[in-house]
């Protein structure tokens, strides 16, 4: 499309979506987020805009979104005229273009100014290789984005319906980090279905069974 290759959001709310592989002749190849519109808990990757906002063209609010490997002439990750909070924009050609508005408590290259912003590698679980379907934009245990967000305006749950916060503070990005022991307990009690990546991570003793033995193995380290 001309604007909003994936989604053109006009005065609505886009939440907990994964948007990838779209293109726009003009702006917002992932999401064109118009005035009075909100994008929350979205993962946007591998989109391309000819002009502005390869991932998100934001005129409204973008909260706890993750934008990776998006391309745009100006603002490959996010082109901002609104408010960006608790977002991660990394690995894009120009992560965030602040045309106007505000960017706060977000992780992006150049994020050395602004309230709560950081400019360090968010440490995604896996972005290796050229196959985007194998990427995992969840956070590693030592990610600087953990407990680095603000609760003000943050969603109560993440993209996987995990309660925020899991730690002392809300995490940046679409995924709230959950410690392995909590994931194991959730799995054993049937509280949450684990993703393939989470299953690999929590099988700490590598016996292909997720059980109390993995908790013991973690605690003995």
Protein backbone atom coordinates (compact mmCIF):
# COMPACT_ATOMS: atom_id res chain seq x y z
CA UNK A 1 0.00 0.00 0.00
CA UNK A 2 0.96 3.66 -0.13
CA UNK A 3 0.88 3.96 3.68
CA UNK A 4 0.55 1.12 6.16
CA UNK A 5 1.75 -1.90 4.22
CA UNK A 6 0.85 -4.23 7.08
CA UNK A 7 -1.70 -2.22 9.05
CA UNK A 8 -3.13 1.28 8.65
CA UNK A 9 -4.36 2.13 12.12
CA UNK A 10 -6.85 5.01 12.10
CA UNK A 11 -7.92 6.04 15.61
CA UNK A 12 -7.86 2.43 16.78
CA UNK A 13 -5.67 0.10 18.81
CA UNK A 14 -3.34 -2.55 17.46
CA UNK A 15 -2.18 -4.93 20.15
CA UNK A 16 -0.13 -8.12 20.47
CA UNK A 17 0.52 -8.48 16.74
CA UNK A 18 3.52 -9.78 14.81
CA UNK A 19 3.96 -7.89 11.53
CA UNK A 20 6.66 -8.75 9.02
CA UNK A 21 7.54 -8.87 5.35
CA UNK A 22 5.42 -5.91 4.24
CA UNK A 23 6.23 -2.95 2.01
CA UNK A 24 4.82 0.54 1.57
CA UNK A 25 5.28 2.92 -1.34
CA UNK A 26 5.39 5.81 1.10
CA UNK A 27 5.39 5.33 4.89
CA UNK A 28 4.73 2.85 7.69
CA UNK A 29 5.35 -0.47 5.99
CA UNK A 30 4.68 -2.37 9.22
CA UNK A 31 2.17 -0.07 10.93
CA UNK A 32 0.99 3.40 9.97
CA UNK A 33 -0.18 4.60 13.37
CA UNK A 34 -2.32 7.69 12.80
CA UNK A 35 -3.26 10.40 15.30
CA UNK A 36 -5.23 9.17 18.32
CA UNK A 37 -4.13 5.61 17.49
CA UNK A 38 -2.21 3.14 19.65
CA UNK A 39 0.15 0.26 18.91
CA UNK A 40 0.95 -1.93 21.92
CA UNK A 41 2.94 -5.15 22.40
CA UNK A 42 3.67 -5.48 18.69
CA UNK A 43 6.69 -7.13 17.06
CA UNK A 44 7.55 -5.57 13.71
CA UNK A 45 10.41 -6.91 11.60
CA UNK A 46 11.71 -7.13 8.03
CA UNK A 47 9.41 -4.49 6.56
CA UNK A 48 10.43 -1.88 4.00
CA UNK A 49 9.12 1.63 3.36
CA UNK A 50 10.35 3.76 0.49
CA UNK A 51 10.29 6.87 2.66
CA UNK A 52 9.37 7.09 6.36
CA UNK A 53 9.00 4.51 9.10
CA UNK A 54 9.99 1.09 7.82
CA UNK A 55 8.62 -0.51 10.98
CA UNK A 56 6.22 2.08 12.41
CA UNK A 57 5.17 5.52 11.25
CA UNK A 58 3.93 6.78 14.58
CA UNK A 59 1.61 9.74 14.92
CA UNK A 60 -0.14 8.35 18.02
CA UNK A 61 1.34 6.16 20.76
CA UNK A 62 3.63 3.15 20.44
CA UNK A 63 4.12 1.28 23.71
CA UNK A 64 6.16 -1.85 24.42
CA UNK A 65 6.78 -2.60 20.75
CA UNK A 66 9.84 -4.27 19.26
CA UNK A 67 11.10 -3.21 15.82
CA UNK A 68 13.98 -5.07 14.17
CA UNK A 69 15.54 -5.23 10.71
CA UNK A 70 13.19 -2.73 9.10
CA UNK A 71 14.18 -0.41 6.25
CA UNK A 72 13.11 3.14 5.48
CA UNK A 73 14.75 6.19 3.99
CA UNK A 74 14.10 8.04 7.25
CA UNK A 75 13.38 6.18 10.47
CA UNK A 76 13.86 2.57 9.47
CA UNK A 77 12.56 1.29 12.79
CA UNK A 78 10.22 4.05 13.92
CA UNK A 79 9.49 7.46 12.43
CA UNK A 80 8.00 9.36 15.33
CA UNK A 81 5.63 12.30 15.54
CA UNK A 82 3.82 11.01 18.63
CA UNK A 83 4.86 9.22 21.82
CA UNK A 84 7.09 6.15 21.99
CA UNK A 85 7.41 4.41 25.37
CA UNK A 86 9.08 1.15 26.48
CA UNK A 87 9.99 0.23 22.90
CA UNK A 88 13.02 -1.52 21.44
CA UNK A 89 14.14 -0.42 17.98
CA UNK A 90 17.38 -2.16 17.09
CA UNK A 91 19.12 -3.41 13.97
CA UNK A 92 17.13 -1.15 11.64
CA UNK A 93 18.67 1.36 9.25
CA UNK A 94 18.19 4.29 11.63
CA UNK A 95 16.33 2.87 14.60
CA UNK A 96 14.23 5.90 15.54
CA UNK A 97 13.80 9.20 13.74
CA UNK A 98 12.46 11.72 16.24
CA UNK A 99 10.74 14.22 13.96
CA UNK A 100 8.64 15.52 16.83
CA UNK A 101 6.89 14.17 19.90
CA UNK A 102 8.63 12.16 22.60
CA UNK A 103 10.64 8.96 22.97
CA UNK A 104 11.15 7.67 26.50
CA UNK A 105 12.23 4.50 28.29
CA UNK A 106 13.24 2.93 25.01
CA UNK A 107 16.27 1.14 23.61
CA UNK A 108 17.68 2.29 20.27
CA UNK A 109 20.97 3.35 18.74
CA UNK A 110 21.30 7.01 19.48
CA UNK A 111 19.16 6.64 22.59
CA UNK A 112 21.58 8.48 24.84
CA UNK A 113 19.21 11.38 25.50
CA UNK A 114 15.63 11.47 26.70
CA UNK A 115 14.05 10.14 29.87
CA UNK A 116 15.01 6.53 30.55
CA UNK A 117 16.41 5.84 27.05
CA UNK A 118 19.38 3.54 26.50
CA UNK A 119 21.59 2.81 23.51
CA UNK A 120 22.90 -0.71 24.09
CA UNK A 121 22.35 -4.09 22.44
CA UNK A 122 19.00 -5.40 23.77
CA UNK A 123 20.34 -8.96 23.51
CA UNK A 124 17.58 -10.79 21.68
CA UNK A 125 17.50 -14.57 22.10
CA UNK A 126 18.26 -15.25 18.43
CA UNK A 127 18.60 -13.07 15.33
CA UNK A 128 21.21 -15.16 13.54
CA UNK A 129 20.90 -16.31 9.95
CA UNK A 130 18.83 -15.00 7.07
CA UNK A 131 15.59 -16.85 7.89
CA UNK A 132 13.34 -14.47 9.88
CA UNK A 133 11.04 -17.33 10.87
CA UNK A 134 13.83 -18.64 13.10
CA UNK A 135 14.46 -15.34 14.86
CA UNK A 136 13.39 -14.91 18.47
CA UNK A 137 13.07 -11.34 19.72
CA UNK A 138 12.54 -12.27 23.35
CA UNK A 139 15.18 -11.08 25.83
CA UNK A 140 18.14 -13.01 27.15
CA UNK A 141 18.54 -13.16 30.97
CA UNK A 142 21.24 -10.45 31.01
CA UNK A 143 19.46 -8.05 28.64
CA UNK A 144 19.75 -4.38 29.68
CA UNK A 145 16.09 -3.95 28.67
CA UNK A 146 14.88 -6.04 31.61
CA UNK A 147 13.38 -3.87 34.39
CA UNK A 148 14.29 -0.78 32.33
CA UNK A 149 10.84 0.42 31.33
CA UNK A 150 8.16 2.46 33.07
CA UNK A 151 4.83 1.22 34.40
CA UNK A 152 3.16 4.48 33.36
CA UNK A 153 0.92 3.63 30.42
CA UNK A 154 2.37 0.12 30.09
CA UNK A 155 0.04 -2.78 29.25
CA UNK A 156 -0.76 -5.22 32.05
CA UNK A 157 0.25 -8.18 29.90
CA UNK A 158 2.83 -8.77 27.16
CA UNK A 159 2.41 -10.22 23.67
CA UNK A 160 2.34 -13.77 25.12
CA UNK A 161 -0.20 -12.81 27.80
CA UNK A 162 2.48 -12.76 30.51
CA UNK A 163 1.70 -10.45 33.40
CA UNK A 164 3.79 -7.26 33.67
CA UNK A 165 6.02 -6.72 35.51
CA UNK A 166 7.75 -10.02 36.26
CA UNK A 167 10.65 -8.26 37.97
CA UNK A 168 11.02 -4.99 39.84
CA UNK A 169 9.95 -2.93 36.83
CA UNK A 170 8.33 -3.34 33.42
CA UNK A 171 10.66 -4.51 30.64
CA UNK A 172 11.19 -2.70 27.36
CA UNK A 173 9.84 -4.37 24.23
CA UNK A 174 6.91 -6.64 23.44
CA UNK A 175 8.15 -9.55 25.56
CA UNK A 176 8.34 -9.50 29.35
CA UNK A 177 11.28 -11.60 30.53
CA UNK A 178 10.32 -14.54 32.73
CA UNK A 179 13.00 -16.31 34.83
CA UNK A 180 13.49 -19.99 33.85
CA UNK A 181 12.30 -21.35 37.21
CA UNK A 182 8.99 -19.50 36.85
CA UNK A 183 8.59 -20.90 33.33
CA UNK A 184 9.22 -24.44 34.58
CA UNK A 185 6.61 -24.06 37.31
CA UNK A 186 4.11 -22.66 34.83
CA UNK A 187 4.76 -25.64 32.54
CA UNK A 188 4.42 -28.22 35.30
CA UNK A 189 1.18 -26.69 36.62
CA UNK A 190 -0.21 -26.11 33.13
CA UNK A 191 -0.52 -22.37 33.70
CA UNK A 192 1.16 -21.29 30.46
CA UNK A 193 2.11 -23.06 27.25
CA UNK A 194 5.80 -22.51 26.56
CA UNK A 195 7.18 -21.49 23.19
CA UNK A 196 9.72 -23.82 21.51
CA UNK A 197 12.52 -21.43 22.48
CA UNK A 198 11.38 -21.31 26.09
CA UNK A 199 11.27 -25.11 26.24
CA UNK A 200 14.86 -25.29 25.02
CA UNK A 201 15.99 -22.70 27.56
CA UNK A 202 14.33 -24.24 30.62
CA UNK A 203 15.39 -27.83 29.87
CA UNK A 204 18.48 -27.00 31.88
CA UNK A 205 19.78 -30.55 32.30
CA UNK A 206 19.14 -31.31 28.61
CA UNK A 207 17.20 -34.54 29.15
CA UNK A 208 14.32 -33.40 26.89
CA UNK A 209 11.96 -33.35 29.89
CA UNK A 210 10.86 -30.18 31.65
CA UNK A 211 10.41 -31.00 35.32
CA UNK A 212 11.57 -30.32 38.88
CA UNK A 213 14.97 -31.80 38.01
CA UNK A 214 15.61 -28.74 35.85
CA UNK A 215 14.89 -26.44 38.81
CA UNK A 216 17.36 -28.41 40.94
CA UNK A 217 19.93 -28.22 38.17
CA UNK A 218 19.54 -24.44 37.94
CA UNK A 219 19.79 -23.94 41.70
CA UNK A 220 23.00 -26.02 41.89
CA UNK A 221 24.85 -23.76 39.47
